[in-house]
Amino acid sequence: ISRKDETTGSGTGMDLYVSRKRHLFGAYCRRALDALIFKKRKEYSFVTIHGLGAAILVACKVALWVEHHAKKHVIRKTITTSTVELLDEHTPKEALTDANNGESADGNPRLEYRLNSAIHIRLSVDKSCIAHQTSG
């Protein structure tokens, strides 16, 4: 299985792919907040949080956490959903086994297509609201 890097530059934005792993939640939150507010690594004008399947709830929680901890900054959210087609490749050891010898029926990988829901939450700092807060 090959995976994308969790953060990849996409022009002026950062993509953050979340999973259900609980121990990474704090890292996701800090990475998104740092990219939007503190600009520690690079100047990003937006962060897009991507969640697939069971990680949709994690993506929503990360976005809400960032919004809550952004202090005086107003975070603008743009939320889109999609259905993604996935292809699972089961190697002969994972494929359906024959009861007689424990090997796959034909020895070839088995392909299985399935659909899964996804969410994409784009967070950006609303600079017009910052200007009003500082001038008022």
C-alpha atoms as a PDB file:
ATOM      1  CA  ILE A   1       0.000   0.000   0.000  1.00  0.00           C
ATOM      2  CA  SER A   2       1.365   3.398  -0.900  1.00  0.00           C
ATOM      3  CA  ARG A   3       0.251   6.523   0.917  1.00  0.00           C
ATOM      4  CA  LYS A   4       0.527  10.215   0.240  1.00  0.00           C
ATOM      5  CA  ASP A   5       2.573  12.393   2.526  1.00  0.00           C
ATOM      6  CA  GLU A   6       0.287  13.976   5.139  1.00  0.00           C
ATOM      7  CA  THR A   7       1.140  17.486   4.069  1.00  0.00           C
ATOM      8  CA  THR A   8       1.844  18.488   0.522  1.00  0.00           C
ATOM      9  CA  GLY A   9       2.150  21.996  -0.784  1.00  0.00           C
ATOM     10  CA  SER A  10      -0.524  22.991  -3.271  1.00  0.00           C
ATOM     11  CA  GLY A  11       0.433  26.487  -4.276  1.00  0.00           C
ATOM     12  CA  THR A  12      -0.602  28.797  -1.457  1.00  0.00           C
ATOM     13  CA  GLY A  13      -2.438  26.148   0.534  1.00  0.00           C
ATOM     14  CA  MET A  14      -1.605  23.092   2.588  1.00  0.00           C
ATOM     15  CA  ASP A  15      -3.368  19.735   2.379  1.00  0.00           C
ATOM     16  CA  LEU A  16      -3.762  17.775   5.600  1.00  0.00           C
ATOM     17  CA  TYR A  17      -4.950  14.158   5.328  1.00  0.00           C
ATOM     18  CA  VAL A  18      -6.328  12.869   8.624  1.00  0.00           C
ATOM     19  CA  SER A  19      -6.820   9.326   9.871  1.00  0.00           C
ATOM     20  CA  ARG A  20      -8.624   7.781  12.828  1.00  0.00           C
ATOM     21  CA  LYS A  21      -5.405   7.312  14.813  1.00  0.00           C
ATOM     22  CA  ARG A  22      -6.109   9.065  18.120  1.00  0.00           C
ATOM     23  CA  HIS A  23      -2.486   9.789  18.960  1.00  0.00           C
ATOM     24  CA  LEU A  24      -2.173  11.988  15.837  1.00  0.00           C
ATOM     25  CA  PHE A  25      -5.143  14.270  16.602  1.00  0.00           C
ATOM     26  CA  GLY A  26      -3.052  16.845  18.477  1.00  0.00           C
ATOM     27  CA  ALA A  27      -0.464  16.897  15.708  1.00  0.00           C
ATOM     28  CA  TYR A  28      -3.147  17.507  13.070  1.00  0.00           C
ATOM     29  CA  CYS A  29      -4.596  20.374  15.108  1.00  0.00           C
ATOM     30  CA  ARG A  30      -1.243  22.041  15.781  1.00  0.00           C
ATOM     31  CA  ARG A  31      -0.086  21.640  12.186  1.00  0.00           C
ATOM     32  CA  ALA A  32      -3.247  23.278  10.823  1.00  0.00           C
ATOM     33  CA  LEU A  33      -3.191  26.104  13.398  1.00  0.00           C
ATOM     34  CA  ASP A  34       0.527  26.744  12.864  1.00  0.00           C
ATOM     35  CA  ALA A  35       0.058  26.924   9.095  1.00  0.00           C
ATOM     36  CA  LEU A  36      -2.878  29.360   9.299  1.00  0.00           C
ATOM     37  CA  ILE A  37      -2.040  31.600  12.238  1.00  0.00           C
ATOM     38  CA  PHE A  38       1.553  31.297  13.333  1.00  0.00           C
ATOM     39  CA  LYS A  39       3.119  30.760   9.883  1.00  0.00           C
ATOM     40  CA  LYS A  40       5.933  28.668  11.393  1.00  0.00           C
ATOM     41  CA  ARG A  41       6.825  26.613   8.334  1.00  0.00           C
ATOM     42  CA  LYS A  42       5.635  28.490   5.300  1.00  0.00           C
ATOM     43  CA  GLU A  43       3.160  31.195   4.380  1.00  0.00           C
ATOM     44  CA  TYR A  44      -0.129  29.389   3.670  1.00  0.00           C
ATOM     45  CA  SER A  45      -3.281  31.292   2.834  1.00  0.00           C
ATOM     46  CA  PHE A  46      -5.470  28.252   3.517  1.00  0.00           C
ATOM     47  CA  VAL A  47      -5.415  24.704   4.867  1.00  0.00           C
ATOM     48  CA  THR A  48      -7.581  21.937   3.423  1.00  0.00           C
ATOM     49  CA  ILE A  49      -8.355  19.092   5.806  1.00  0.00           C
ATOM     50  CA  HIS A  50      -9.275  15.839   4.039  1.00  0.00           C
ATOM     51  CA  GLY A  51     -11.108  12.999   5.780  1.00  0.00           C
ATOM     52  CA  LEU A  52     -12.110   9.694   4.174  1.00  0.00           C
ATOM     53  CA  GLY A  53     -14.738   7.314   5.552  1.00  0.00           C
ATOM     54  CA  ALA A  54     -14.490   6.928   9.323  1.00  0.00           C
ATOM     55  CA  ALA A  55     -11.989   9.825   9.453  1.00  0.00           C
ATOM     56  CA  ILE A  56     -14.693  12.335   8.439  1.00  0.00           C
ATOM     57  CA  LEU A  57     -15.514  12.952  12.098  1.00  0.00           C
ATOM     58  CA  VAL A  58     -11.822  13.517  12.883  1.00  0.00           C
ATOM     59  CA  ALA A  59     -11.571  16.080  10.068  1.00  0.00           C
ATOM     60  CA  CYS A  60     -14.589  17.946  11.469  1.00  0.00           C
ATOM     61  CA  LYS A  61     -13.149  17.905  14.990  1.00  0.00           C
ATOM     62  CA  VAL A  62      -9.789  19.245  13.766  1.00  0.00           C
ATOM     63  CA  ALA A  63     -11.525  22.104  11.929  1.00  0.00           C
ATOM     64  CA  LEU A  64     -13.589  22.998  15.006  1.00  0.00           C
ATOM     65  CA  TRP A  65     -10.503  22.817  17.241  1.00  0.00           C
ATOM     66  CA  VAL A  66      -8.608  25.207  14.960  1.00  0.00           C
ATOM     67  CA  GLU A  67     -11.552  27.599  14.867  1.00  0.00           C
ATOM     68  CA  HIS A  68     -11.831  27.560  18.683  1.00  0.00           C
ATOM     69  CA  HIS A  69      -8.096  28.069  19.279  1.00  0.00           C
ATOM     70  CA  ALA A  70      -7.563  30.752  16.635  1.00  0.00           C
ATOM     71  CA  LYS A  71      -8.130  33.396  19.343  1.00  0.00           C
ATOM     72  CA  LYS A  72      -8.867  36.768  17.720  1.00  0.00           C
ATOM     73  CA  HIS A  73      -8.803  35.422  14.171  1.00  0.00           C
ATOM     74  CA  VAL A  74     -12.026  34.640  12.341  1.00  0.00           C
ATOM     75  CA  ILE A  75     -11.719  31.353  10.458  1.00  0.00           C
ATOM     76  CA  ARG A  76     -13.707  30.973   7.255  1.00  0.00           C
ATOM     77  CA  LYS A  77     -14.755  27.391   6.455  1.00  0.00           C
ATOM     78  CA  THR A  78     -15.681  26.002   3.057  1.00  0.00           C
ATOM     79  CA  ILE A  79     -16.929  22.429   3.297  1.00  0.00           C
ATOM     80  CA  THR A  80     -17.411  20.020   0.408  1.00  0.00           C
ATOM     81  CA  THR A  81     -18.224  16.335   0.358  1.00  0.00           C
ATOM     82  CA  SER A  82     -17.624  13.722  -2.279  1.00  0.00           C
ATOM     83  CA  THR A  83     -17.814  10.026  -2.984  1.00  0.00           C
ATOM     84  CA  VAL A  84     -14.492   8.389  -3.773  1.00  0.00           C
ATOM     85  CA  GLU A  85     -14.041   5.132  -5.657  1.00  0.00           C
ATOM     86  CA  LEU A  86     -11.462   2.914  -3.990  1.00  0.00           C
ATOM     87  CA  LEU A  87      -9.708  -0.134  -5.356  1.00  0.00           C
ATOM     88  CA  ASP A  88      -8.600  -2.761  -2.855  1.00  0.00           C
ATOM     89  CA  GLU A  89      -6.048  -5.273  -4.074  1.00  0.00           C
ATOM     90  CA  HIS A  90      -5.957  -8.454  -2.034  1.00  0.00           C
ATOM     91  CA  THR A  91      -2.751 -10.408  -2.454  1.00  0.00           C
ATOM     92  CA  PRO A  92      -3.005 -14.193  -2.638  1.00  0.00           C
ATOM     93  CA  LYS A  93      -2.428 -14.523   1.130  1.00  0.00           C
ATOM     94  CA  GLU A  94      -5.278 -12.074   1.812  1.00  0.00           C
ATOM     95  CA  ALA A  95      -7.565 -13.384  -0.940  1.00  0.00           C
ATOM     96  CA  LEU A  96     -10.335 -15.823  -0.268  1.00  0.00           C
ATOM     97  CA  THR A  97      -8.760 -19.096   0.738  1.00  0.00           C
ATOM     98  CA  ASP A  98      -9.568 -22.594  -0.340  1.00  0.00           C
ATOM     99  CA  ALA A  99     -10.588 -24.682   2.686  1.00  0.00           C
ATOM    100  CA  ASN A 100      -8.418 -27.600   1.550  1.00  0.00           C
ATOM    101  CA  ASN A 101      -4.947 -26.055   1.332  1.00  0.00           C
ATOM    102  CA  GLY A 102      -5.187 -22.468   2.653  1.00  0.00           C
ATOM    103  CA  GLU A 103      -4.022 -20.986  -0.665  1.00  0.00           C
ATOM    104  CA  SER A 104      -5.982 -18.578  -2.834  1.00  0.00           C
ATOM    105  CA  ALA A 105      -8.230 -20.277  -5.347  1.00  0.00           C
ATOM    106  CA  ASP A 106      -6.253 -19.146  -8.421  1.00  0.00           C
ATOM    107  CA  GLY A 107      -3.123 -17.588  -6.881  1.00  0.00           C
ATOM    108  CA  ASN A 108      -3.801 -14.179  -8.476  1.00  0.00           C
ATOM    109  CA  PRO A 109      -4.559 -10.948  -6.618  1.00  0.00           C
ATOM    110  CA  ARG A 110      -8.247 -10.206  -6.203  1.00  0.00           C
ATOM    111  CA  LEU A 111      -9.453  -6.663  -6.967  1.00  0.00           C
ATOM    112  CA  GLU A 112     -12.422  -5.172  -5.191  1.00  0.00           C
ATOM    113  CA  TYR A 113     -14.007  -1.793  -5.975  1.00  0.00           C
ATOM    114  CA  ARG A 114     -15.924   0.112  -3.333  1.00  0.00           C
ATOM    115  CA  LEU A 115     -17.254   3.602  -2.714  1.00  0.00           C
ATOM    116  CA  ASN A 116     -16.477   5.729   0.313  1.00  0.00           C
ATOM    117  CA  SER A 117     -17.552   9.166   1.494  1.00  0.00           C
ATOM    118  CA  ALA A 118     -15.033  11.973   1.879  1.00  0.00           C
ATOM    119  CA  ILE A 119     -15.031  15.491   3.304  1.00  0.00           C
ATOM    120  CA  HIS A 120     -12.788  18.399   2.397  1.00  0.00           C
ATOM    121  CA  ILE A 121     -12.753  21.354   4.803  1.00  0.00           C
ATOM    122  CA  ARG A 122     -10.928  24.435   3.610  1.00  0.00           C
ATOM    123  CA  LEU A 123      -9.944  26.813   6.418  1.00  0.00           C
ATOM    124  CA  SER A 124      -8.711  30.338   5.837  1.00  0.00           C
ATOM    125  CA  VAL A 125      -8.264  33.424   7.985  1.00  0.00           C
ATOM    126  CA  ASP A 126     -10.817  36.109   7.188  1.00  0.00           C
ATOM    127  CA  LYS A 127      -8.488  39.099   6.904  1.00  0.00           C
ATOM    128  CA  SER A 128     -11.343  41.623   6.611  1.00  0.00           C
ATOM    129  CA  CYS A 129     -12.492  40.726  10.119  1.00  0.00           C
ATOM    130  CA  ILE A 130      -8.947  41.092  11.506  1.00  0.00           C
ATOM    131  CA  ALA A 131      -8.726  44.600  10.036  1.00  0.00           C
ATOM    132  CA  HIS A 132     -12.012  45.609  11.705  1.00  0.00           C
ATOM    133  CA  GLN A 133     -10.912  44.184  15.066  1.00  0.00           C
ATOM    134  CA  THR A 134      -7.598  46.037  15.078  1.00  0.00           C
ATOM    135  CA  SER A 135      -9.021  49.354  13.887  1.00  0.00           C
ATOM    136  CA  GLY A 136     -11.934  49.356  16.340  1.00  0.00           C
END
